[in-house]
C-alpha atoms as a PDB file:
ATOM      1  CA  MET A   1     -10.199 -24.165  11.362  1.00  0.00           C
ATOM      2  CA  VAL A   2     -10.384 -27.320   8.735  1.00  0.00           C
ATOM      3  CA  ASP A   3      -9.167 -26.802   5.819  1.00  0.00           C
ATOM      4  CA  ARG A   4     -11.973 -28.645   3.530  1.00  0.00           C
ATOM      5  CA  VAL A   5     -15.323 -28.662   3.594  1.00  0.00           C
ATOM      6  CA  LEU A   6     -17.350 -31.270   1.464  1.00  0.00           C
ATOM      7  CA  VAL A   7     -21.575 -30.644   0.844  1.00  0.00           C
ATOM      8  CA  THR A   8     -23.707 -32.746  -1.166  1.00  0.00           C
ATOM      9  CA  LEU A   9     -27.009 -31.399  -2.457  1.00  0.00           C
ATOM     10  CA  ASP A  10     -28.824 -32.493   0.153  1.00  0.00           C
ATOM     11  CA  GLY A  11     -26.921 -30.470   2.940  1.00  0.00           C
ATOM     12  CA  GLU A  12     -25.230 -33.132   4.398  1.00  0.00           C
ATOM     13  CA  VAL A  13     -21.831 -32.306   5.354  1.00  0.00           C
ATOM     14  CA  ARG A  14     -19.302 -35.288   4.217  1.00  0.00           C
ATOM     15  CA  ASP A  15     -16.233 -36.137   5.486  1.00  0.00           C
ATOM     16  CA  ALA A  16     -13.831 -34.805   2.454  1.00  0.00           C
ATOM     17  CA  ASP A  17     -11.332 -37.205   3.224  1.00  0.00           C
ATOM     18  CA  GLN A  18     -13.815 -40.173   2.090  1.00  0.00           C
ATOM     19  CA  PRO A  19     -14.214 -40.851  -1.513  1.00  0.00           C
ATOM     20  CA  LEU A  20     -17.162 -39.378  -3.058  1.00  0.00           C
ATOM     21  CA  LEU A  21     -16.997 -40.299  -7.080  1.00  0.00           C
ATOM     22  CA  TYR A  22     -17.867 -42.990  -8.463  1.00  0.00           C
ATOM     23  CA  ALA A  23     -15.021 -44.428 -11.343  1.00  0.00           C
ATOM     24  CA  ASP A  24     -17.743 -44.969 -14.165  1.00  0.00           C
ATOM     25  CA  ASP A  25     -18.707 -40.690 -13.724  1.00  0.00           C
ATOM     26  CA  ILE A  26     -18.927 -38.861 -16.713  1.00  0.00           C
ATOM     27  CA  GLY A  27     -17.392 -36.102 -15.260  1.00  0.00           C
ATOM     28  CA  VAL A  28     -14.206 -37.913 -14.838  1.00  0.00           C
ATOM     29  CA  LEU A  29     -14.444 -40.208 -17.765  1.00  0.00           C
ATOM     30  CA  ARG A  30     -15.422 -37.681 -20.429  1.00  0.00           C
ATOM     31  CA  GLY A  31     -15.019 -34.262 -18.451  1.00  0.00           C
ATOM     32  CA  ASP A  32     -18.660 -33.457 -19.135  1.00  0.00           C
ATOM     33  CA  GLY A  33     -19.968 -31.575 -16.536  1.00  0.00           C
ATOM     34  CA  ILE A  34     -19.552 -27.825 -15.334  1.00  0.00           C
ATOM     35  CA  PHE A  35     -18.611 -26.363 -12.610  1.00  0.00           C
ATOM     36  CA  GLU A  36     -18.383 -22.346 -10.747  1.00  0.00           C
ATOM     37  CA  THR A  37     -15.708 -21.031  -8.951  1.00  0.00           C
ATOM     38  CA  ALA A  38     -16.447 -18.435  -6.279  1.00  0.00           C
ATOM     39  CA  LEU A  39     -14.806 -17.233  -3.062  1.00  0.00           C
ATOM     40  CA  VAL A  40     -15.897 -17.249   0.856  1.00  0.00           C
ATOM     41  CA  ARG A  41     -15.427 -14.392   2.593  1.00  0.00           C
ATOM     42  CA  GLY A  42     -16.897 -13.267   6.419  1.00  0.00           C
ATOM     43  CA  GLY A  43     -18.600 -16.760   6.139  1.00  0.00           C
ATOM     44  CA  THR A  44     -20.907 -15.617   3.281  1.00  0.00           C
ATOM     45  CA  VAL A  45     -20.419 -16.107  -0.543  1.00  0.00           C
ATOM     46  CA  CYS A  46     -19.262 -13.322  -2.335  1.00  0.00           C
ATOM     47  CA  ALA A  47     -21.941 -12.581  -5.560  1.00  0.00           C
ATOM     48  CA  LEU A  48     -23.743 -16.100  -4.167  1.00  0.00           C
ATOM     49  CA  ASP A  49     -26.678 -15.348  -6.608  1.00  0.00           C
ATOM     50  CA  PHE A  50     -24.465 -14.418  -9.941  1.00  0.00           C
ATOM     51  CA  HIS A  51     -22.150 -17.711  -9.651  1.00  0.00           C
ATOM     52  CA  LEU A  52     -26.303 -19.360  -9.489  1.00  0.00           C
ATOM     53  CA  ALA A  53     -26.837 -18.063 -12.404  1.00  0.00           C
ATOM     54  CA  ARG A  54     -24.258 -18.288 -14.770  1.00  0.00           C
ATOM     55  CA  LEU A  55     -24.475 -22.272 -12.871  1.00  0.00           C
ATOM     56  CA  ARG A  56     -27.604 -22.490 -14.821  1.00  0.00           C
ATOM     57  CA  ARG A  57     -26.397 -21.048 -17.950  1.00  0.00           C
ATOM     58  CA  SER A  58     -23.974 -23.598 -18.350  1.00  0.00           C
ATOM     59  CA  ALA A  59     -26.023 -26.615 -17.753  1.00  0.00           C
ATOM     60  CA  GLN A  60     -28.232 -24.855 -20.173  1.00  0.00           C
ATOM     61  CA  ALA A  61     -25.465 -25.211 -22.542  1.00  0.00           C
ATOM     62  CA  LEU A  62     -24.717 -28.719 -22.156  1.00  0.00           C
ATOM     63  CA  ASP A  63     -28.366 -29.773 -21.934  1.00  0.00           C
ATOM     64  CA  LEU A  64     -27.968 -31.348 -18.664  1.00  0.00           C
ATOM     65  CA  PRO A  65     -30.776 -31.523 -16.143  1.00  0.00           C
ATOM     66  CA  GLU A  66     -31.946 -27.784 -15.234  1.00  0.00           C
ATOM     67  CA  PRO A  67     -30.276 -26.890 -11.660  1.00  0.00           C
ATOM     68  CA  ASP A  68     -32.384 -26.833  -8.208  1.00  0.00           C
ATOM     69  CA  LEU A  69     -30.955 -23.635  -7.514  1.00  0.00           C
ATOM     70  CA  ALA A  70     -32.290 -23.652  -4.124  1.00  0.00           C
ATOM     71  CA  ARG A  71     -31.325 -26.631  -3.235  1.00  0.00           C
ATOM     72  CA  TRP A  72     -27.243 -25.044  -4.578  1.00  0.00           C
ATOM     73  CA  ARG A  73     -28.048 -22.394  -2.629  1.00  0.00           C
ATOM     74  CA  SER A  74     -28.512 -24.097   0.527  1.00  0.00           C
ATOM     75  CA  ALA A  75     -25.896 -26.198  -0.110  1.00  0.00           C
ATOM     76  CA  MET A  76     -23.313 -23.326  -0.485  1.00  0.00           C
ATOM     77  CA  GLU A  77     -25.483 -21.480   2.559  1.00  0.00           C
ATOM     78  CA  THR A  78     -23.827 -24.526   4.797  1.00  0.00           C
ATOM     79  CA  ALA A  79     -20.676 -25.336   3.006  1.00  0.00           C
ATOM     80  CA  ALA A  80     -19.525 -21.171   3.690  1.00  0.00           C
ATOM     81  CA  LYS A  81     -21.240 -21.749   7.464  1.00  0.00           C
ATOM     82  CA  GLU A  82     -18.996 -24.687   8.348  1.00  0.00           C
ATOM     83  CA  TRP A  83     -15.716 -23.255   6.999  1.00  0.00           C
ATOM     84  CA  GLY A  84     -16.739 -20.254   9.033  1.00  0.00           C
ATOM     85  CA  SER A  85     -15.405 -16.471   8.966  1.00  0.00           C
ATOM     86  CA  GLU A  86     -12.125 -16.014  10.051  1.00  0.00           C
ATOM     87  CA  GLU A  87      -9.992 -17.515   6.812  1.00  0.00           C
ATOM     88  CA  GLU A  88     -10.868 -16.365   2.698  1.00  0.00           C
ATOM     89  CA  GLY A  89     -11.994 -19.945   1.142  1.00  0.00           C
ATOM     90  CA  VAL A  90     -12.457 -20.927  -2.151  1.00  0.00           C
ATOM     91  CA  MET A  91     -15.421 -22.659  -2.710  1.00  0.00           C
ATOM     92  CA  ARG A  92     -16.500 -25.078  -6.040  1.00  0.00           C
ATOM     93  CA  LEU A  93     -19.678 -26.092  -6.889  1.00  0.00           C
ATOM     94  CA  VAL A  94     -19.597 -29.079  -9.130  1.00  0.00           C
ATOM     95  CA  LEU A  95     -22.076 -30.409 -11.685  1.00  0.00           C
ATOM     96  CA  THR A  96     -21.588 -34.306 -13.567  1.00  0.00           C
ATOM     97  CA  ARG A  97     -24.125 -35.808 -15.660  1.00  0.00           C
ATOM     98  CA  GLY A  98     -23.092 -38.651 -13.526  1.00  0.00           C
ATOM     99  CA  ARG A  99     -22.332 -42.421 -14.096  1.00  0.00           C
ATOM    100  CA  GLU A 100     -21.936 -44.372 -17.333  1.00  0.00           C
ATOM    101  CA  SER A 101     -23.900 -47.115 -16.366  1.00  0.00           C
ATOM    102  CA  ALA A 102     -26.347 -45.330 -15.010  1.00  0.00           C
ATOM    103  CA  LEU A 103     -26.998 -44.800 -19.341  1.00  0.00           C
ATOM    104  CA  GLY A 104     -28.103 -48.490 -19.192  1.00  0.00           C
ATOM    105  CA  SER A 105     -28.259 -51.188 -22.308  1.00  0.00           C
ATOM    106  CA  PRO A 106     -29.523 -49.412 -25.226  1.00  0.00           C
ATOM    107  CA  LYS A 107     -33.192 -49.892 -26.031  1.00  0.00           C
ATOM    108  CA  ALA A 108     -34.022 -52.352 -28.779  1.00  0.00           C
ATOM    109  CA  GLY A 109     -34.066 -51.297 -32.400  1.00  0.00           C
ATOM    110  CA  LEU A 110     -31.721 -47.500 -31.623  1.00  0.00           C
ATOM    111  CA  ARG A 111     -29.430 -47.825 -35.174  1.00  0.00           C
ATOM    112  CA  SER A 112     -25.472 -47.405 -34.610  1.00  0.00           C
ATOM    113  CA  GLY A 113     -24.843 -44.064 -33.179  1.00  0.00           C
ATOM    114  CA  GLU A 114     -28.474 -43.375 -31.979  1.00  0.00           C
ATOM    115  CA  LEU A 115     -28.404 -42.270 -27.525  1.00  0.00           C
ATOM    116  CA  SER A 116     -30.314 -44.759 -24.935  1.00  0.00           C
ATOM    117  CA  GLU A 117     -33.520 -42.971 -23.580  1.00  0.00           C
ATOM    118  CA  ALA A 118     -31.847 -43.026 -20.226  1.00  0.00           C
ATOM    119  CA  VAL A 119     -30.893 -40.207 -18.503  1.00  0.00           C
ATOM    120  CA  PRO A 120     -28.177 -40.567 -15.905  1.00  0.00           C
ATOM    121  CA  VAL A 121     -28.379 -38.816 -11.991  1.00  0.00           C
ATOM    122  CA  PRO A 122     -26.621 -35.583 -12.269  1.00  0.00           C
ATOM    123  CA  THR A 123     -23.360 -35.469  -9.523  1.00  0.00           C
ATOM    124  CA  THR A 124     -23.562 -32.667  -7.457  1.00  0.00           C
ATOM    125  CA  PHE A 125     -21.378 -31.575  -4.972  1.00  0.00           C
ATOM    126  CA  VAL A 126     -20.148 -28.494  -2.964  1.00  0.00           C
ATOM    127  CA  MET A 127     -16.573 -28.250  -1.608  1.00  0.00           C
ATOM    128  CA  VAL A 128     -14.346 -25.275   0.111  1.00  0.00           C
ATOM    129  CA  THR A 129     -10.744 -25.392   0.190  1.00  0.00           C
ATOM    130  CA  GLU A 130      -8.060 -22.998   1.166  1.00  0.00           C
ATOM    131  CA  LEU A 131      -6.631 -20.288  -1.373  1.00  0.00           C
ATOM    132  CA  SER A 132      -3.644 -20.657  -2.794  1.00  0.00           C
ATOM    133  CA  ASP A 133       0.202 -18.820  -2.271  1.00  0.00           C
ATOM    134  CA  ARG A 134      -0.520 -17.848  -5.926  1.00  0.00           C
ATOM    135  CA  VAL A 135      -3.438 -15.703  -5.146  1.00  0.00           C
ATOM    136  CA  ALA A 136      -2.186 -13.707  -2.341  1.00  0.00           C
ATOM    137  CA  ALA A 137       1.047 -12.394  -4.178  1.00  0.00           C
ATOM    138  CA  ALA A 138      -1.029 -12.197  -7.548  1.00  0.00           C
ATOM    139  CA  ARG A 139      -3.071  -9.383  -5.347  1.00  0.00           C
ATOM    140  CA  THR A 140      -0.451  -8.041  -4.002  1.00  0.00           C
ATOM    141  CA  GLU A 141       2.089  -7.537  -6.902  1.00  0.00           C
ATOM    142  CA  GLY A 142       0.286  -8.955  -9.587  1.00  0.00           C
ATOM    143  CA  VAL A 143       1.042 -10.916 -12.233  1.00  0.00           C
ATOM    144  CA  ALA A 144       3.384 -11.395 -15.428  1.00  0.00           C
ATOM    145  CA  VAL A 145       1.780 -12.576 -17.940  1.00  0.00           C
ATOM    146  CA  VAL A 146       2.324 -13.802 -21.720  1.00  0.00           C
ATOM    147  CA  THR A 147      -0.274 -13.639 -24.502  1.00  0.00           C
ATOM    148  CA  LEU A 148      -0.914 -17.047 -26.054  1.00  0.00           C
ATOM    149  CA  THR A 149      -3.360 -17.267 -29.348  1.00  0.00           C
ATOM    150  CA  ARG A 150      -6.449 -19.819 -29.159  1.00  0.00           C
ATOM    151  CA  GLY A 151      -5.969 -20.861 -32.414  1.00  0.00           C
ATOM    152  CA  ILE A 152     -10.109 -19.898 -33.284  1.00  0.00           C
ATOM    153  CA  SER A 153     -12.183 -17.106 -34.622  1.00  0.00           C
ATOM    154  CA  ILE A 154     -13.871 -14.887 -32.939  1.00  0.00           C
ATOM    155  CA  ASP A 155     -17.213 -15.847 -34.373  1.00  0.00           C
ATOM    156  CA  LEU A 156     -16.664 -19.689 -33.916  1.00  0.00           C
ATOM    157  CA  ALA A 157     -18.764 -19.307 -30.397  1.00  0.00           C
ATOM    158  CA  GLN A 158     -21.840 -17.968 -32.468  1.00  0.00           C
ATOM    159  CA  ALA A 159     -21.020 -20.089 -35.934  1.00  0.00           C
ATOM    160  CA  ALA A 160     -20.371 -23.553 -33.800  1.00  0.00           C
ATOM    161  CA  PRO A 161     -22.223 -23.972 -30.393  1.00  0.00           C
ATOM    162  CA  TRP A 162     -21.659 -27.240 -29.528  1.00  0.00           C
ATOM    163  CA  GLN A 163     -17.705 -25.693 -28.710  1.00  0.00           C
ATOM    164  CA  LEU A 164     -19.276 -24.556 -25.695  1.00  0.00           C
ATOM    165  CA  LEU A 165     -17.195 -21.507 -25.414  1.00  0.00           C
ATOM    166  CA  GLY A 166     -18.610 -19.265 -22.701  1.00  0.00           C
ATOM    167  CA  ALA A 167     -19.881 -22.593 -21.006  1.00  0.00           C
ATOM    168  CA  LYS A 168     -17.520 -23.693 -18.062  1.00  0.00           C
ATOM    169  CA  THR A 169     -17.004 -26.748 -18.105  1.00  0.00           C
ATOM    170  CA  LEU A 170     -14.811 -29.407 -16.533  1.00  0.00           C
ATOM    171  CA  SER A 171     -12.668 -29.935 -19.935  1.00  0.00           C
ATOM    172  CA  TYR A 172      -9.848 -27.545 -18.341  1.00  0.00           C
ATOM    173  CA  ALA A 173      -6.804 -29.459 -19.810  1.00  0.00           C
ATOM    174  CA  THR A 174      -6.190 -27.262 -22.562  1.00  0.00           C
ATOM    175  CA  ASN A 175      -6.340 -24.406 -19.963  1.00  0.00           C
ATOM    176  CA  MET A 176      -4.411 -25.758 -17.621  1.00  0.00           C
ATOM    177  CA  ALA A 177      -1.549 -26.485 -20.389  1.00  0.00           C
ATOM    178  CA  ALA A 178      -1.420 -22.888 -21.592  1.00  0.00           C
ATOM    179  CA  LEU A 179      -0.808 -22.166 -17.615  1.00  0.00           C
ATOM    180  CA  ARG A 180       1.790 -24.677 -17.624  1.00  0.00           C
ATOM    181  CA  PHE A 181       3.438 -23.316 -20.720  1.00  0.00           C
ATOM    182  CA  ALA A 182       3.565 -19.643 -19.043  1.00  0.00           C
ATOM    183  CA  ALA A 183       5.307 -21.203 -16.366  1.00  0.00           C
ATOM    184  CA  ARG A 184       8.235 -22.580 -18.471  1.00  0.00           C
ATOM    185  CA  MET A 185       8.636 -18.895 -19.686  1.00  0.00           C
ATOM    186  CA  GLY A 186       8.677 -17.493 -16.238  1.00  0.00           C
ATOM    187  CA  ALA A 187       5.009 -15.888 -16.382  1.00  0.00           C
ATOM    188  CA  ASP A 188       2.078 -16.392 -14.136  1.00  0.00           C
ATOM    189  CA  ASP A 189      -0.723 -15.923 -16.409  1.00  0.00           C
ATOM    190  CA  VAL A 190      -1.997 -16.171 -19.934  1.00  0.00           C
ATOM    191  CA  ILE A 191      -4.191 -13.631 -22.156  1.00  0.00           C
ATOM    192  CA  PHE A 192      -5.929 -15.955 -25.199  1.00  0.00           C
ATOM    193  CA  THR A 193      -6.139 -13.895 -28.353  1.00  0.00           C
ATOM    194  CA  SER A 194      -7.995 -14.922 -31.572  1.00  0.00           C
ATOM    195  CA  THR A 195      -6.635 -15.959 -35.177  1.00  0.00           C
ATOM    196  CA  GLU A 196      -7.423 -12.021 -35.805  1.00  0.00           C
ATOM    197  CA  HIS A 197      -5.333 -11.251 -33.181  1.00  0.00           C
ATOM    198  CA  ARG A 198      -7.784  -9.555 -30.879  1.00  0.00           C
ATOM    199  CA  VAL A 199      -7.784 -10.646 -27.067  1.00  0.00           C
ATOM    200  CA  LEU A 200     -10.260 -13.207 -25.902  1.00  0.00           C
ATOM    201  CA  GLU A 201      -9.571 -14.061 -21.755  1.00  0.00           C
ATOM    202  CA  GLY A 202      -7.206 -15.769 -19.255  1.00  0.00           C
ATOM    203  CA  PRO A 203      -7.597 -19.288 -18.554  1.00  0.00           C
ATOM    204  CA  ARG A 204      -9.210 -18.522 -15.363  1.00  0.00           C
ATOM    205  CA  SER A 205      -9.792 -14.732 -15.264  1.00  0.00           C
ATOM    206  CA  THR A 206     -11.752 -11.711 -17.214  1.00  0.00           C
ATOM    207  CA  VAL A 207      -9.395  -9.771 -18.862  1.00  0.00           C
ATOM    208  CA  VAL A 208     -10.017  -6.089 -18.894  1.00  0.00           C
ATOM    209  CA  ILE A 209      -8.121  -2.712 -19.593  1.00  0.00           C
ATOM    210  CA  ALA A 210      -8.447   0.792 -18.201  1.00  0.00           C
ATOM    211  CA  ARG A 211      -7.702   3.909 -20.086  1.00  0.00           C
ATOM    212  CA  GLY A 212      -8.328   6.817 -18.018  1.00  0.00           C
ATOM    213  CA  LYS A 213     -11.607   6.689 -16.275  1.00  0.00           C
ATOM    214  CA  GLN A 214     -12.967   4.044 -19.344  1.00  0.00           C
ATOM    215  CA  LEU A 215     -12.927   0.152 -18.950  1.00  0.00           C
ATOM    216  CA  ILE A 216     -13.134  -2.410 -21.818  1.00  0.00           C
ATOM    217  CA  THR A 217     -13.324  -6.432 -21.737  1.00  0.00           C
ATOM    218  CA  PRO A 218     -14.577  -8.241 -24.961  1.00  0.00           C
ATOM    219  CA  PRO A 219     -17.518  -9.262 -25.105  1.00  0.00           C
ATOM    220  CA  ALA A 220     -19.342 -12.530 -24.290  1.00  0.00           C
ATOM    221  CA  LYS A 221     -20.594 -13.099 -27.956  1.00  0.00           C
ATOM    222  CA  ASN A 222     -16.966 -13.271 -28.749  1.00  0.00           C
ATOM    223  CA  GLY A 223     -16.782 -17.057 -26.985  1.00  0.00           C
ATOM    224  CA  VAL A 224     -15.474 -15.619 -23.711  1.00  0.00           C
ATOM    225  CA  LEU A 225     -17.148 -16.215 -20.350  1.00  0.00           C
ATOM    226  CA  PRO A 226     -19.214 -13.945 -18.700  1.00  0.00           C
ATOM    227  CA  GLY A 227     -17.198 -12.786 -16.056  1.00  0.00           C
ATOM    228  CA  ILE A 228     -18.808 -12.842 -12.449  1.00  0.00           C
ATOM    229  CA  THR A 229     -16.152 -10.422 -11.155  1.00  0.00           C
ATOM    230  CA  GLN A 230     -16.145  -7.994 -14.563  1.00  0.00           C
ATOM    231  CA  ARG A 231     -19.975  -7.274 -14.069  1.00  0.00           C
ATOM    232  CA  ALA A 232     -19.113  -6.208  -9.977  1.00  0.00           C
ATOM    233  CA  LEU A 233     -16.369  -3.796 -11.054  1.00  0.00           C
ATOM    234  CA  TYR A 234     -18.650  -2.358 -14.266  1.00  0.00           C
ATOM    235  CA  ALA A 235     -21.721  -1.969 -11.938  1.00  0.00           C
ATOM    236  CA  GLU A 236     -19.204   0.114  -8.985  1.00  0.00           C
ATOM    237  CA  ALA A 237     -17.261   1.840 -12.004  1.00  0.00           C
ATOM    238  CA  GLU A 238     -20.537   3.570 -13.711  1.00  0.00           C
ATOM    239  CA  ARG A 239     -21.526   4.497 -10.426  1.00  0.00           C
ATOM    240  CA  ARG A 240     -18.317   6.494 -10.051  1.00  0.00           C
ATOM    241  CA  GLY A 241     -19.081   7.974 -13.659  1.00  0.00           C
ATOM    242  CA  TYR A 242     -16.657   5.343 -15.571  1.00  0.00           C
ATOM    243  CA  ASP A 243     -17.713   4.443 -18.931  1.00  0.00           C
ATOM    244  CA  CYS A 244     -17.737   0.428 -19.033  1.00  0.00           C
ATOM    245  CA  ARG A 245     -17.529  -1.269 -22.381  1.00  0.00           C
ATOM    246  CA  TYR A 246     -18.482  -4.235 -23.789  1.00  0.00           C
ATOM    247  CA  GLU A 247     -15.819  -3.628 -27.071  1.00  0.00           C
ATOM    248  CA  PRO A 248     -13.494  -6.026 -29.338  1.00  0.00           C
ATOM    249  CA  PHE A 249      -9.384  -4.838 -29.169  1.00  0.00           C
ATOM    250  CA  PHE A 250      -6.109  -6.072 -30.385  1.00  0.00           C
ATOM    251  CA  THR A 251      -3.671  -7.380 -28.609  1.00  0.00           C
ATOM    252  CA  ALA A 252      -1.652  -4.051 -29.496  1.00  0.00           C
ATOM    253  CA  ASP A 253      -3.939  -2.249 -27.368  1.00  0.00           C
ATOM    254  CA  LEU A 254      -2.845  -4.103 -24.357  1.00  0.00           C
ATOM    255  CA  PHE A 255       0.548  -2.062 -24.516  1.00  0.00           C
ATOM    256  CA  ASP A 256      -1.737   1.417 -25.371  1.00  0.00           C
ATOM    257  CA  CYS A 257      -3.592   1.501 -22.205  1.00  0.00           C
ATOM    258  CA  ASP A 258      -3.060   2.682 -18.399  1.00  0.00           C
ATOM    259  CA  SER A 259      -3.466  -0.771 -16.875  1.00  0.00           C
ATOM    260  CA  ILE A 260      -4.725  -4.695 -17.972  1.00  0.00           C
ATOM    261  CA  TRP A 261      -6.041  -6.326 -15.187  1.00  0.00           C
ATOM    262  CA  MET A 262      -7.108 -10.243 -15.015  1.00  0.00           C
ATOM    263  CA  LEU A 263     -10.266 -10.450 -13.099  1.00  0.00           C
ATOM    264  CA  SER A 264     -11.582 -13.520 -11.161  1.00  0.00           C
ATOM    265  CA  SER A 265     -14.074 -15.058  -8.445  1.00  0.00           C
ATOM    266  CA  VAL A 266     -11.098 -16.199  -5.912  1.00  0.00           C
ATOM    267  CA  THR A 267      -8.040 -13.463  -6.760  1.00  0.00           C
ATOM    268  CA  LEU A 268     -10.731 -10.631  -7.671  1.00  0.00           C
ATOM    269  CA  ALA A 269      -8.054  -8.059  -9.539  1.00  0.00           C
ATOM    270  CA  ALA A 270      -4.359  -9.108 -10.146  1.00  0.00           C
ATOM    271  CA  ARG A 271      -2.854  -6.303 -12.275  1.00  0.00           C
ATOM    272  CA  VAL A 272      -0.576  -7.235 -14.923  1.00  0.00           C
ATOM    273  CA  ASN A 273       3.166  -6.136 -14.226  1.00  0.00           C
ATOM    274  CA  SER A 274       4.302  -7.475 -17.511  1.00  0.00           C
ATOM    275  CA  LEU A 275       3.099  -8.863 -20.573  1.00  0.00           C
ATOM    276  CA  ASP A 276       5.318 -10.586 -23.245  1.00  0.00           C
ATOM    277  CA  GLY A 277       8.610  -9.502 -20.999  1.00  0.00           C
ATOM    278  CA  VAL A 278       7.501  -5.734 -21.186  1.00  0.00           C
ATOM    279  CA  ARG A 279       6.778  -3.758 -17.662  1.00  0.00           C
ATOM    280  CA  MET A 280       3.775  -2.388 -17.003  1.00  0.00           C
ATOM    281  CA  SER A 281       4.116   0.522 -14.927  1.00  0.00           C
ATOM    282  CA  ALA A 282       0.815   0.841 -12.423  1.00  0.00           C
ATOM    283  CA  PRO A 283      -0.993   4.106 -13.498  1.00  0.00           C
ATOM    284  CA  GLU A 284      -2.159   5.973 -10.465  1.00  0.00           C
ATOM    285  CA  SER A 285      -5.879   4.850 -10.823  1.00  0.00           C
ATOM    286  CA  VAL A 286      -4.253   1.206  -9.234  1.00  0.00           C
ATOM    287  CA  ALA A 287      -5.855   1.366  -5.360  1.00  0.00           C
ATOM    288  CA  GLU A 288      -9.024   2.570  -6.683  1.00  0.00           C
ATOM    289  CA  ILE A 289      -9.485  -0.663  -9.643  1.00  0.00           C
ATOM    290  CA  ILE A 290      -9.051  -2.738  -6.818  1.00  0.00           C
ATOM    291  CA  GLU A 291     -11.187  -0.933  -3.947  1.00  0.00           C
ATOM    292  CA  MET A 292     -14.045  -0.968  -6.686  1.00  0.00           C
ATOM    293  CA  VAL A 293     -13.853  -4.632  -7.280  1.00  0.00           C
ATOM    294  CA  ASP A 294     -13.372  -5.167  -3.031  1.00  0.00           C
ATOM    295  CA  ARG A 295     -17.144  -2.739  -3.162  1.00  0.00           C
ATOM    296  CA  GLY A 296     -18.374  -4.087  -6.003  1.00  0.00           C
ATOM    297  CA  ILE A 297     -17.796  -7.859  -5.470  1.00  0.00           C
ATOM    298  CA  GLY A 298     -19.719  -7.040  -2.444  1.00  0.00           C
ATOM    299  CA  ARG A 299     -22.948  -5.817  -3.533  1.00  0.00           C
ATOM    300  CA  ALA A 300     -23.383  -8.576  -6.298  1.00  0.00           C
ATOM    301  CA  GLY A 301     -26.984  -8.698  -6.943  1.00  0.00           C
ATOM    302  CA  THR A 302     -29.599 -10.883  -7.509  1.00  0.00           C
ATOM    303  CA  ILE A 303     -30.294 -13.649 -10.104  1.00  0.00           C
ATOM    304  CA  ALA A 304     -32.372 -11.573 -11.758  1.00  0.00           C
ATOM    305  CA  ASP A 305     -29.370  -8.816 -12.584  1.00  0.00           C
ATOM    306  CA  TRP A 306     -27.468 -11.102 -14.123  1.00  0.00           C
END
């Protein structure tokens, strides 16, 4: 079995050990681009259409060229086939604004601060790699989590759309810094909170709390990334009579629920086993929620459903 697969949007399978990006790629220089992370299972991409739909929404938020979803789909399917069906894999879709040098020289007559009309060709590729040991541990043992303030209001996403809250951008330095800070505190993951002490999301996951037959997650208007795995869970849970809600809730509500879940496209469902040093017991519904996530991600619908 291969340990990495790299496919261009033209469907070419490239040597993953050979250079692909130029040094002046704007995604490298400025983090100006977007990405998606999907799970490859059984030789297929889980929730493929949902990932394509979110890629398109992120591209629109950054004023990137409209992604050719048919080409992306083909490249994803090629990469999944190359990866094979024996082991799960992590698929990443990357789209940057392209090379800075492709912008060319400013046109004569442009005032200071104005941008050239030249548009660089986006950099695009699909890559599949192995799952980390962290993923297996999170699925089976759960995660220790600390709450950290993001230092923003829940109103910021609508008041300042240029902040790109809710888009999956390559500018992930803050998220990774938060995870390193959590690790120094002996934790595995983070739940971000707003200045109003509302729960937002994790650096790489959606937060869902369970109370009996009720599931609650923060709404996208609060500046959180719409969660694909959360969406799949809700679709399956509603079939089983769960009351699934998109509602704001406070940090205090995390300590007044049956269970807290960190949902993401690769780890899928990780139960919070401790929060800010407080041990969180496992309710009877744990196995059912995990099973609903697995079933839901396999049933995830089409782009039109997103």
